[in-house]
PDB file of N, CA and C in Angstrom:
ATOM      1  N   MET A   1       0.042  -0.706  16.080  1.00  0.00           N
ATOM      2  CA  MET A   1      -0.410  -0.568  14.914  1.00  0.00           C
ATOM      3  C   MET A   1      -0.547  -1.240  13.800  1.00  0.00           C
ATOM      4  N   PRO A   2      -1.475  -1.379  13.375  1.00  0.00           N
ATOM      5  CA  PRO A   2      -1.997  -2.572  12.524  1.00  0.00           C
ATOM      6  C   PRO A   2      -0.982  -2.511  11.095  1.00  0.00           C
ATOM      7  N   ALA A   3      -0.377  -1.584  10.575  1.00  0.00           N
ATOM      8  CA  ALA A   3       0.025  -1.687   9.510  1.00  0.00           C
ATOM      9  C   ALA A   3       1.071  -2.619   9.541  1.00  0.00           C
ATOM     10  N   LEU A   4       1.982  -2.976  11.170  1.00  0.00           N
ATOM     11  CA  LEU A   4       3.266  -3.515  11.566  1.00  0.00           C
ATOM     12  C   LEU A   4       2.711  -5.253  11.281  1.00  0.00           C
ATOM     13  N   ARG A   5       1.187  -5.193  11.347  1.00  0.00           N
ATOM     14  CA  ARG A   5       1.246  -6.755  11.868  1.00  0.00           C
ATOM     15  C   ARG A   5       0.369  -7.216  10.214  1.00  0.00           C
ATOM     16  N   SER A   6       0.405  -5.853   9.107  1.00  0.00           N
ATOM     17  CA  SER A   6      -0.045  -6.073   7.972  1.00  0.00           C
ATOM     18  C   SER A   6       0.905  -7.326   6.973  1.00  0.00           C
ATOM     19  N   PRO A   7       0.335  -7.965   6.074  1.00  0.00           N
ATOM     20  CA  PRO A   7       1.205  -8.752   5.296  1.00  0.00           C
ATOM     21  C   PRO A   7       1.873  -8.377   4.189  1.00  0.00           C
ATOM     22  N   ARG A   8       1.379  -6.808   3.920  1.00  0.00           N
ATOM     23  CA  ARG A   8       1.715  -6.388   2.891  1.00  0.00           C
ATOM     24  C   ARG A   8       3.238  -5.704   3.232  1.00  0.00           C
ATOM     25  N   LYS A   9       4.252  -6.038   2.923  1.00  0.00           N
ATOM     26  CA  LYS A   9       5.968  -5.326   2.919  1.00  0.00           C
ATOM     27  C   LYS A   9       6.456  -4.841   1.891  1.00  0.00           C
ATOM     28  N   LEU A  10       6.803  -3.491   1.704  1.00  0.00           N
ATOM     29  CA  LEU A  10       7.828  -3.392   0.642  1.00  0.00           C
ATOM     30  C   LEU A  10       9.080  -3.070   0.934  1.00  0.00           C
ATOM     31  N   ARG A  11      10.146  -3.505   0.164  1.00  0.00           N
ATOM     32  CA  ARG A  11      11.626  -3.740   0.519  1.00  0.00           C
ATOM     33  C   ARG A  11      12.437  -3.362  -0.067  1.00  0.00           C
ATOM     34  N   SER A  12      13.690  -2.371   0.307  1.00  0.00           N
ATOM     35  CA  SER A  12      14.525  -2.068  -0.656  1.00  0.00           C
ATOM     36  C   SER A  12      15.748  -2.116   0.202  1.00  0.00           C
ATOM     37  N   GLN A  13      17.191  -1.859  -0.262  1.00  0.00           N
ATOM     38  CA  GLN A  13      17.939  -2.508   0.488  1.00  0.00           C
ATOM     39  C   GLN A  13      18.344  -1.849   1.563  1.00  0.00           C
ATOM     40  N   ALA A  14      18.121  -0.903   1.905  1.00  0.00           N
ATOM     41  CA  ALA A  14      18.200  -0.519   3.585  1.00  0.00           C
ATOM     42  C   ALA A  14      16.819  -0.239   4.441  1.00  0.00           C
ATOM     43  N   LEU A  15      15.949  -0.265   3.501  1.00  0.00           N
ATOM     44  CA  LEU A  15      14.479  -0.032   4.082  1.00  0.00           C
ATOM     45  C   LEU A  15      13.532  -0.982   3.946  1.00  0.00           C
ATOM     46  N   LEU A  16      12.661  -0.899   4.824  1.00  0.00           N
ATOM     47  CA  LEU A  16      11.165  -1.765   4.768  1.00  0.00           C
ATOM     48  C   LEU A  16      10.023  -0.782   5.242  1.00  0.00           C
ATOM     49  N   LEU A  17       9.055  -0.848   4.120  1.00  0.00           N
ATOM     50  CA  LEU A  17       7.692  -0.221   4.791  1.00  0.00           C
ATOM     51  C   LEU A  17       6.423  -1.432   4.556  1.00  0.00           C
ATOM     52  N   HIS A  18       6.343  -1.049   5.856  1.00  0.00           N
ATOM     53  CA  HIS A  18       4.701  -2.340   6.118  1.00  0.00           C
ATOM     54  C   HIS A  18       3.710  -0.938   5.574  1.00  0.00           C
ATOM     55  N   VAL A  19       2.830  -1.463   4.950  1.00  0.00           N
ATOM     56  CA  VAL A  19       1.627  -1.191   3.983  1.00  0.00           C
ATOM     57  C   VAL A  19       0.569  -1.420   5.124  1.00  0.00           C
ATOM     58  N   ALA A  20      -0.606  -0.903   4.953  1.00  0.00           N
ATOM     59  CA  ALA A  20      -1.834  -1.490   5.620  1.00  0.00           C
ATOM     60  C   ALA A  20      -3.492  -0.492   4.986  1.00  0.00           C
ATOM     61  N   ALA A  21      -4.336  -0.910   5.183  1.00  0.00           N
ATOM     62  CA  ALA A  21      -5.224   0.307   4.514  1.00  0.00           C
ATOM     63  C   ALA A  21      -5.623   1.262   5.657  1.00  0.00           C
ATOM     64  N   GLY A  22      -5.879   1.956   5.502  1.00  0.00           N
ATOM     65  CA  GLY A  22      -6.134   3.136   6.699  1.00  0.00           C
ATOM     66  C   GLY A  22      -7.387   4.025   6.359  1.00  0.00           C
ATOM     67  N   ASN A  23      -7.221   5.313   6.583  1.00  0.00           N
ATOM     68  CA  ASN A  23      -8.437   5.893   6.496  1.00  0.00           C
ATOM     69  C   ASN A  23      -8.787   6.710   5.049  1.00  0.00           C
ATOM     70  N   ALA A  24      -9.710   6.446   4.383  1.00  0.00           N
ATOM     71  CA  ALA A  24      -9.636   6.948   2.949  1.00  0.00           C
ATOM     72  C   ALA A  24      -9.637   8.248   2.887  1.00  0.00           C
ATOM     73  N   GLY A  25      -8.683   8.770   2.064  1.00  0.00           N
ATOM     74  CA  GLY A  25      -8.366  10.216   1.777  1.00  0.00           C
ATOM     75  C   GLY A  25      -7.313  10.483   2.238  1.00  0.00           C
ATOM     76  N   ALA A  26      -6.612  10.430   3.620  1.00  0.00           N
ATOM     77  CA  ALA A  26      -5.655  10.831   4.456  1.00  0.00           C
ATOM     78  C   ALA A  26      -4.769   9.448   4.468  1.00  0.00           C
ATOM     79  N   SER A  27      -3.482   9.244   4.205  1.00  0.00           N
ATOM     80  CA  SER A  27      -2.460   8.628   4.703  1.00  0.00           C
ATOM     81  C   SER A  27      -1.635   9.026   5.867  1.00  0.00           C
ATOM     82  N   ARG A  28      -0.990   8.092   6.708  1.00  0.00           N
ATOM     83  CA  ARG A  28      -0.396   8.506   8.175  1.00  0.00           C
ATOM     84  C   ARG A  28       1.051   7.559   7.743  1.00  0.00           C
ATOM     85  N   MET A  29       1.901   8.351   8.103  1.00  0.00           N
ATOM     86  CA  MET A  29       3.318   7.079   8.348  1.00  0.00           C
ATOM     87  C   MET A  29       4.078   7.357   9.629  1.00  0.00           C
ATOM     88  N   GLY A  30       4.731   6.448  10.026  1.00  0.00           N
ATOM     89  CA  GLY A  30       5.160   6.284  11.008  1.00  0.00           C
ATOM     90  C   GLY A  30       6.673   6.000  10.658  1.00  0.00           C
ATOM     91  N   LEU A  31       7.357   6.277  11.653  1.00  0.00           N
ATOM     92  CA  LEU A  31       9.276   5.781  11.376  1.00  0.00           C
ATOM     93  C   LEU A  31       9.920   5.167  12.368  1.00  0.00           C
ATOM     94  N   VAL A  32      10.692   4.099  12.223  1.00  0.00           N
ATOM     95  CA  VAL A  32      11.148   3.731  12.884  1.00  0.00           C
ATOM     96  C   VAL A  32      12.705   3.850  12.752  1.00  0.00           C
ATOM     97  N   ALA A  33      13.631   4.227  13.387  1.00  0.00           N
ATOM     98  CA  ALA A  33      15.058   4.381  13.339  1.00  0.00           C
ATOM     99  C   ALA A  33      15.920   4.086  14.421  1.00  0.00           C
ATOM    100  N   PRO A  34      16.151   2.580  14.732  1.00  0.00           N
ATOM    101  CA  PRO A  34      16.745   2.258  16.043  1.00  0.00           C
ATOM    102  C   PRO A  34      18.136   2.946  16.202  1.00  0.00           C
ATOM    103  N   LYS A  35      18.351   2.734  17.508  1.00  0.00           N
ATOM    104  CA  LYS A  35      19.608   3.610  17.938  1.00  0.00           C
ATOM    105  C   LYS A  35      20.837   2.796  17.567  1.00  0.00           C
ATOM    106  N   ARG A  36      20.518   1.239  17.356  1.00  0.00           N
ATOM    107  CA  ARG A  36      21.860   0.580  16.952  1.00  0.00           C
ATOM    108  C   ARG A  36      22.064   0.588  15.814  1.00  0.00           C
ATOM    109  N   LEU A  37      21.031   1.432  14.699  1.00  0.00           N
ATOM    110  CA  LEU A  37      21.381   1.600  13.307  1.00  0.00           C
ATOM    111  C   LEU A  37      21.920   2.862  13.128  1.00  0.00           C
ATOM    112  N   VAL A  38      21.463   3.854  13.913  1.00  0.00           N
ATOM    113  CA  VAL A  38      21.441   5.356  13.876  1.00  0.00           C
ATOM    114  C   VAL A  38      22.216   5.836  15.046  1.00  0.00           C
ATOM    115  N   ARG A  39      23.059   5.512  15.111  1.00  0.00           N
ATOM    116  CA  ARG A  39      23.989   6.031  16.580  1.00  0.00           C
ATOM    117  C   ARG A  39      23.610   7.500  17.069  1.00  0.00           C
ATOM    118  N   ARG A  40      24.138   8.355  16.098  1.00  0.00           N
ATOM    119  CA  ARG A  40      23.569   9.843  16.397  1.00  0.00           C
ATOM    120  C   ARG A  40      22.505  10.192  16.787  1.00  0.00           C
ATOM    121  N   SER A  41      21.693  10.671  17.640  1.00  0.00           N
ATOM    122  CA  SER A  41      20.251  11.376  17.487  1.00  0.00           C
ATOM    123  C   SER A  41      20.327  12.749  16.393  1.00  0.00           C
ATOM    124  N   VAL A  42      21.239  13.061  16.344  1.00  0.00           N
ATOM    125  CA  VAL A  42      20.956  14.318  15.023  1.00  0.00           C
ATOM    126  C   VAL A  42      20.632  13.586  13.793  1.00  0.00           C
ATOM    127  N   ASP A  43      21.411  12.483  13.553  1.00  0.00           N
ATOM    128  CA  ASP A  43      21.469  11.684  12.067  1.00  0.00           C
ATOM    129  C   ASP A  43      19.986  10.765  12.106  1.00  0.00           C
ATOM    130  N   ARG A  44      19.525  10.471  13.525  1.00  0.00           N
ATOM    131  CA  ARG A  44      18.190   9.762  13.890  1.00  0.00           C
ATOM    132  C   ARG A  44      17.002  11.025  13.378  1.00  0.00           C
ATOM    133  N   ASN A  45      17.170  12.040  13.915  1.00  0.00           N
ATOM    134  CA  ASN A  45      16.229  13.344  13.526  1.00  0.00           C
ATOM    135  C   ASN A  45      16.501  13.806  12.264  1.00  0.00           C
ATOM    136  N   ARG A  46      17.492  13.806  11.842  1.00  0.00           N
ATOM    137  CA  ARG A  46      17.744  13.998  10.201  1.00  0.00           C
ATOM    138  C   ARG A  46      16.927  13.362   9.484  1.00  0.00           C
ATOM    139  N   LEU A  47      16.779  12.201   9.655  1.00  0.00           N
ATOM    140  CA  LEU A  47      16.250  10.967   8.593  1.00  0.00           C
ATOM    141  C   LEU A  47      14.876  11.210   8.913  1.00  0.00           C
ATOM    142  N   LYS A  48      14.227  11.196   9.998  1.00  0.00           N
ATOM    143  CA  LYS A  48      13.229  11.732  10.538  1.00  0.00           C
ATOM    144  C   LYS A  48      12.364  12.748   9.510  1.00  0.00           C
ATOM    145  N   ARG A  49      13.235  13.715   9.607  1.00  0.00           N
ATOM    146  CA  ARG A  49      12.862  15.232   8.754  1.00  0.00           C
ATOM    147  C   ARG A  49      12.505  14.871   7.224  1.00  0.00           C
ATOM    148  N   LEU A  50      13.467  14.023   6.784  1.00  0.00           N
ATOM    149  CA  LEU A  50      13.941  14.131   5.486  1.00  0.00           C
ATOM    150  C   LEU A  50      12.534  13.051   4.990  1.00  0.00           C
ATOM    151  N   ALA A  51      12.419  11.995   5.933  1.00  0.00           N
ATOM    152  CA  ALA A  51      11.184  11.054   5.314  1.00  0.00           C
ATOM    153  C   ALA A  51       9.879  11.837   5.660  1.00  0.00           C
ATOM    154  N   ARG A  52       9.569  12.755   6.504  1.00  0.00           N
ATOM    155  CA  ARG A  52       8.515  13.241   6.632  1.00  0.00           C
ATOM    156  C   ARG A  52       8.245  14.029   5.414  1.00  0.00           C
ATOM    157  N   GLU A  53       9.178  15.030   5.090  1.00  0.00           N
ATOM    158  CA  GLU A  53       9.010  15.981   4.029  1.00  0.00           C
ATOM    159  C   GLU A  53       8.955  15.185   2.543  1.00  0.00           C
ATOM    160  N   ALA A  54       9.669  14.001   2.748  1.00  0.00           N
ATOM    161  CA  ALA A  54       9.435  13.415   1.270  1.00  0.00           C
ATOM    162  C   ALA A  54       8.141  12.530   1.234  1.00  0.00           C
ATOM    163  N   PHE A  55       7.087  12.199   2.454  1.00  0.00           N
ATOM    164  CA  PHE A  55       5.843  11.571   2.547  1.00  0.00           C
ATOM    165  C   PHE A  55       4.914  12.862   2.301  1.00  0.00           C
ATOM    166  N   ARG A  56       5.278  13.953   2.684  1.00  0.00           N
ATOM    167  CA  ARG A  56       4.345  15.186   2.758  1.00  0.00           C
ATOM    168  C   ARG A  56       4.210  15.765   1.181  1.00  0.00           C
ATOM    169  N   ARG A  57       5.344  15.516   0.804  1.00  0.00           N
ATOM    170  CA  ARG A  57       5.240  16.145  -0.873  1.00  0.00           C
ATOM    171  C   ARG A  57       4.758  14.955  -1.981  1.00  0.00           C
ATOM    172  N   HIS A  58       4.376  13.883  -1.585  1.00  0.00           N
ATOM    173  CA  HIS A  58       4.499  12.873  -2.460  1.00  0.00           C
ATOM    174  C   HIS A  58       2.831  12.170  -2.401  1.00  0.00           C
ATOM    175  N   PRO A  59       2.395  11.755  -3.454  1.00  0.00           N
ATOM    176  CA  PRO A  59       1.076  11.509  -3.691  1.00  0.00           C
ATOM    177  C   PRO A  59       0.278  10.500  -3.006  1.00  0.00           C
ATOM    178  N   VAL A  60       1.372   9.898  -2.414  1.00  0.00           N
ATOM    179  CA  VAL A  60       0.823   8.673  -1.601  1.00  0.00           C
ATOM    180  C   VAL A  60       0.135   9.124  -0.749  1.00  0.00           C
ATOM    181  N   LYS A  61       0.413  10.576   0.036  1.00  0.00           N
ATOM    182  CA  LYS A  61      -0.486  10.972   0.848  1.00  0.00           C
ATOM    183  C   LYS A  61      -1.871  10.977   1.231  1.00  0.00           C
ATOM    184  N   ALA A  62      -2.354  11.212  -0.120  1.00  0.00           N
ATOM    185  CA  ALA A  62      -3.995  11.168  -0.583  1.00  0.00           C
ATOM    186  C   ALA A  62      -4.528   9.812  -0.642  1.00  0.00           C
ATOM    187  N   ALA A  63      -3.623   8.985  -0.633  1.00  0.00           N
ATOM    188  CA  ALA A  63      -3.999   7.539  -0.846  1.00  0.00           C
ATOM    189  C   ALA A  63      -4.997   6.532   0.100  1.00  0.00           C
ATOM    190  N   GLY A  64      -4.401   7.185   1.470  1.00  0.00           N
ATOM    191  CA  GLY A  64      -5.463   6.379   2.394  1.00  0.00           C
ATOM    192  C   GLY A  64      -4.952   5.218   3.105  1.00  0.00           C
ATOM    193  N   LEU A  65      -3.940   5.344   3.322  1.00  0.00           N
ATOM    194  CA  LEU A  65      -2.922   3.907   3.840  1.00  0.00           C
ATOM    195  C   LEU A  65      -2.186   4.792   5.128  1.00  0.00           C
ATOM    196  N   ASP A  66      -1.835   2.901   5.993  1.00  0.00           N
ATOM    197  CA  ASP A  66      -1.354   3.178   7.094  1.00  0.00           C
ATOM    198  C   ASP A  66       0.266   2.719   6.633  1.00  0.00           C
ATOM    199  N   LEU A  67       1.145   3.665   6.813  1.00  0.00           N
ATOM    200  CA  LEU A  67       2.486   3.335   6.629  1.00  0.00           C
ATOM    201  C   LEU A  67       3.786   3.293   7.922  1.00  0.00           C
ATOM    202  N   VAL A  68       4.475   2.115   8.000  1.00  0.00           N
ATOM    203  CA  VAL A  68       5.704   2.247   8.870  1.00  0.00           C
ATOM    204  C   VAL A  68       6.973   2.243   7.915  1.00  0.00           C
ATOM    205  N   LEU A  69       7.795   3.427   7.684  1.00  0.00           N
ATOM    206  CA  LEU A  69       9.025   2.999   7.366  1.00  0.00           C
ATOM    207  C   LEU A  69      10.106   2.626   8.559  1.00  0.00           C
ATOM    208  N   ALA A  70      10.889   1.392   8.146  1.00  0.00           N
ATOM    209  CA  ALA A  70      11.935   1.225   9.259  1.00  0.00           C
ATOM    210  C   ALA A  70      13.116   1.074   8.574  1.00  0.00           C
ATOM    211  N   MET A  71      14.081   0.828   9.474  1.00  0.00           N
ATOM    212  CA  MET A  71      15.512   0.848   8.806  1.00  0.00           C
ATOM    213  C   MET A  71      15.629  -0.734   9.096  1.00  0.00           C
ATOM    214  N   ARG A  72      16.709  -0.846   7.878  1.00  0.00           N
ATOM    215  CA  ARG A  72      16.953  -2.473   7.876  1.00  0.00           C
ATOM    216  C   ARG A  72      18.834  -2.447   7.689  1.00  0.00           C
ATOM    217  N   GLN A  73      19.600  -1.079   7.429  1.00  0.00           N
ATOM    218  CA  GLN A  73      20.911  -1.264   7.562  1.00  0.00           C
ATOM    219  C   GLN A  73      21.329   0.065   8.543  1.00  0.00           C
ATOM    220  N   PRO A  74      22.536  -0.210   8.533  1.00  0.00           N
ATOM    221  CA  PRO A  74      23.013   1.191   9.375  1.00  0.00           C
ATOM    222  C   PRO A  74      23.290   2.432   8.486  1.00  0.00           C
ATOM    223  N   PHE A  75      23.107   3.439   9.128  1.00  0.00           N
ATOM    224  CA  PHE A  75      23.141   4.586   8.061  1.00  0.00           C
ATOM    225  C   PHE A  75      24.450   5.139   8.289  1.00  0.00           C
ATOM    226  N   THR A  76      25.264   6.043   7.088  1.00  0.00           N
ATOM    227  CA  THR A  76      25.923   7.008   7.285  1.00  0.00           C
ATOM    228  C   THR A  76      25.670   7.910   6.112  1.00  0.00           C
ATOM    229  N   ARG A  77      26.398   9.242   7.035  1.00  0.00           N
ATOM    230  CA  ARG A  77      25.692  10.402   6.092  1.00  0.00           C
ATOM    231  C   ARG A  77      26.027  10.595   4.590  1.00  0.00           C
ATOM    232  N   GLU A  78      27.123   9.836   4.194  1.00  0.00           N
ATOM    233  CA  GLU A  78      27.379   9.627   3.070  1.00  0.00           C
ATOM    234  C   GLU A  78      26.517   9.031   1.980  1.00  0.00           C
ATOM    235  N   ALA A  79      25.509   8.310   2.610  1.00  0.00           N
ATOM    236  CA  ALA A  79      24.462   7.365   1.882  1.00  0.00           C
ATOM    237  C   ALA A  79      22.932   8.275   1.779  1.00  0.00           C
ATOM    238  N   GLU A  80      23.008   9.335   2.616  1.00  0.00           N
ATOM    239  CA  GLU A  80      21.993   9.980   2.797  1.00  0.00           C
ATOM    240  C   GLU A  80      21.271  10.086   1.429  1.00  0.00           C
ATOM    241  N   GLY A  81      21.871  10.641   0.022  1.00  0.00           N
ATOM    242  CA  GLY A  81      21.112  10.491  -1.350  1.00  0.00           C
ATOM    243  C   GLY A  81      20.509   9.277  -1.365  1.00  0.00           C
ATOM    244  N   ALA A  82      21.100   8.492  -1.475  1.00  0.00           N
ATOM    245  CA  ALA A  82      20.960   7.086  -1.596  1.00  0.00           C
ATOM    246  C   ALA A  82      19.348   6.448  -0.830  1.00  0.00           C
ATOM    247  N   TRP A  83      19.233   7.263   0.064  1.00  0.00           N
ATOM    248  CA  TRP A  83      18.401   6.629   1.579  1.00  0.00           C
ATOM    249  C   TRP A  83      17.509   7.407   0.954  1.00  0.00           C
ATOM    250  N   LEU A  84      17.461   8.504   0.696  1.00  0.00           N
ATOM    251  CA  LEU A  84      16.207   9.332   0.733  1.00  0.00           C
ATOM    252  C   LEU A  84      15.368   9.016  -1.016  1.00  0.00           C
ATOM    253  N   ALA A  85      16.273   8.360  -2.202  1.00  0.00           N
ATOM    254  CA  ALA A  85      15.950   7.782  -3.060  1.00  0.00           C
ATOM    255  C   ALA A  85      15.221   6.433  -2.868  1.00  0.00           C
ATOM    256  N   GLN A  86      15.676   5.612  -2.036  1.00  0.00           N
ATOM    257  CA  GLN A  86      14.630   4.341  -1.656  1.00  0.00           C
ATOM    258  C   GLN A  86      13.380   4.949  -1.006  1.00  0.00           C
ATOM    259  N   VAL A  87      13.471   5.887  -0.398  1.00  0.00           N
ATOM    260  CA  VAL A  87      12.187   6.399   0.408  1.00  0.00           C
ATOM    261  C   VAL A  87      11.502   6.557  -0.442  1.00  0.00           C
ATOM    262  N   GLN A  88      11.449   7.638  -1.703  1.00  0.00           N
ATOM    263  CA  GLN A  88      10.723   7.639  -2.780  1.00  0.00           C
ATOM    264  C   GLN A  88      10.437   6.754  -3.875  1.00  0.00           C
ATOM    265  N   GLU A  89      11.176   5.563  -3.656  1.00  0.00           N
ATOM    266  CA  GLU A  89      11.313   4.513  -4.599  1.00  0.00           C
ATOM    267  C   GLU A  89       9.884   3.536  -3.577  1.00  0.00           C
ATOM    268  N   LEU A  90      10.215   3.537  -2.348  1.00  0.00           N
ATOM    269  CA  LEU A  90       9.040   2.798  -1.494  1.00  0.00           C
ATOM    270  C   LEU A  90       7.721   3.351  -1.857  1.00  0.00           C
ATOM    271  N   LEU A  91       7.941   4.627  -1.547  1.00  0.00           N
ATOM    272  CA  LEU A  91       6.748   5.646  -1.464  1.00  0.00           C
ATOM    273  C   LEU A  91       5.642   5.409  -2.760  1.00  0.00           C
ATOM    274  N   GLY A  92       6.347   5.319  -3.992  1.00  0.00           N
ATOM    275  CA  GLY A  92       6.014   5.106  -5.358  1.00  0.00           C
ATOM    276  C   GLY A  92       5.493   3.751  -5.194  1.00  0.00           C
ATOM    277  N   ARG A  93       6.026   2.964  -4.887  1.00  0.00           N
ATOM    278  CA  ARG A  93       5.465   1.503  -5.020  1.00  0.00           C
ATOM    279  C   ARG A  93       3.817   1.338  -4.230  1.00  0.00           C
ATOM    280  N   ALA A  94       4.086   2.133  -3.022  1.00  0.00           N
ATOM    281  CA  ALA A  94       2.835   2.159  -2.447  1.00  0.00           C
ATOM    282  C   ALA A  94       1.955   2.280  -2.971  1.00  0.00           C
ATOM    283  N   ALA A  95       1.994   3.574  -3.381  1.00  0.00           N
ATOM    284  CA  ALA A  95       0.942   4.320  -4.166  1.00  0.00           C
ATOM    285  C   ALA A  95       0.228   3.717  -5.037  1.00  0.00           C
ATOM    286  N   GLU A  96       1.299   3.139  -5.916  1.00  0.00           N
ATOM    287  CA  GLU A  96       0.793   1.882  -7.126  1.00  0.00           C
ATOM    288  C   GLU A  96       0.175   0.894  -6.827  1.00  0.00           C
ATOM    289  N   GLY A  97       0.312   0.476  -5.263  1.00  0.00           N
ATOM    290  CA  GLY A  97      -0.005  -0.806  -5.160  1.00  0.00           C
ATOM    291  C   GLY A  97       0.342  -2.010  -5.123  1.00  0.00           C
ATOM    292  N   ARG A  98       1.503  -1.856  -5.841  1.00  0.00           N
ATOM    293  CA  ARG A  98       2.502  -3.252  -5.635  1.00  0.00           C
ATOM    294  C   ARG A  98       3.168  -3.112  -4.772  1.00  0.00           C
TER     295      ARG A  98
END
């Protein structure tokens, strides 16, 4: 995917967002949640569901970007709220172009 080769990367404490120009009018998002960082498949699927829903509701969806959201740190259920806040923040920064 070209987004992974793009020089534009946005970082937060637990996440890395690769950003590349895509088709005008419709953004796409891919997710990377490796087993070594999120051990249980139930948790990996929940994270993906939460990220897809955040992306679906966010204005960045209409920005025409290709995005890949990758985990940087191990996930715990207790940190789910903070993780979701970081997803929202990264999507906002991608939409603003910084």
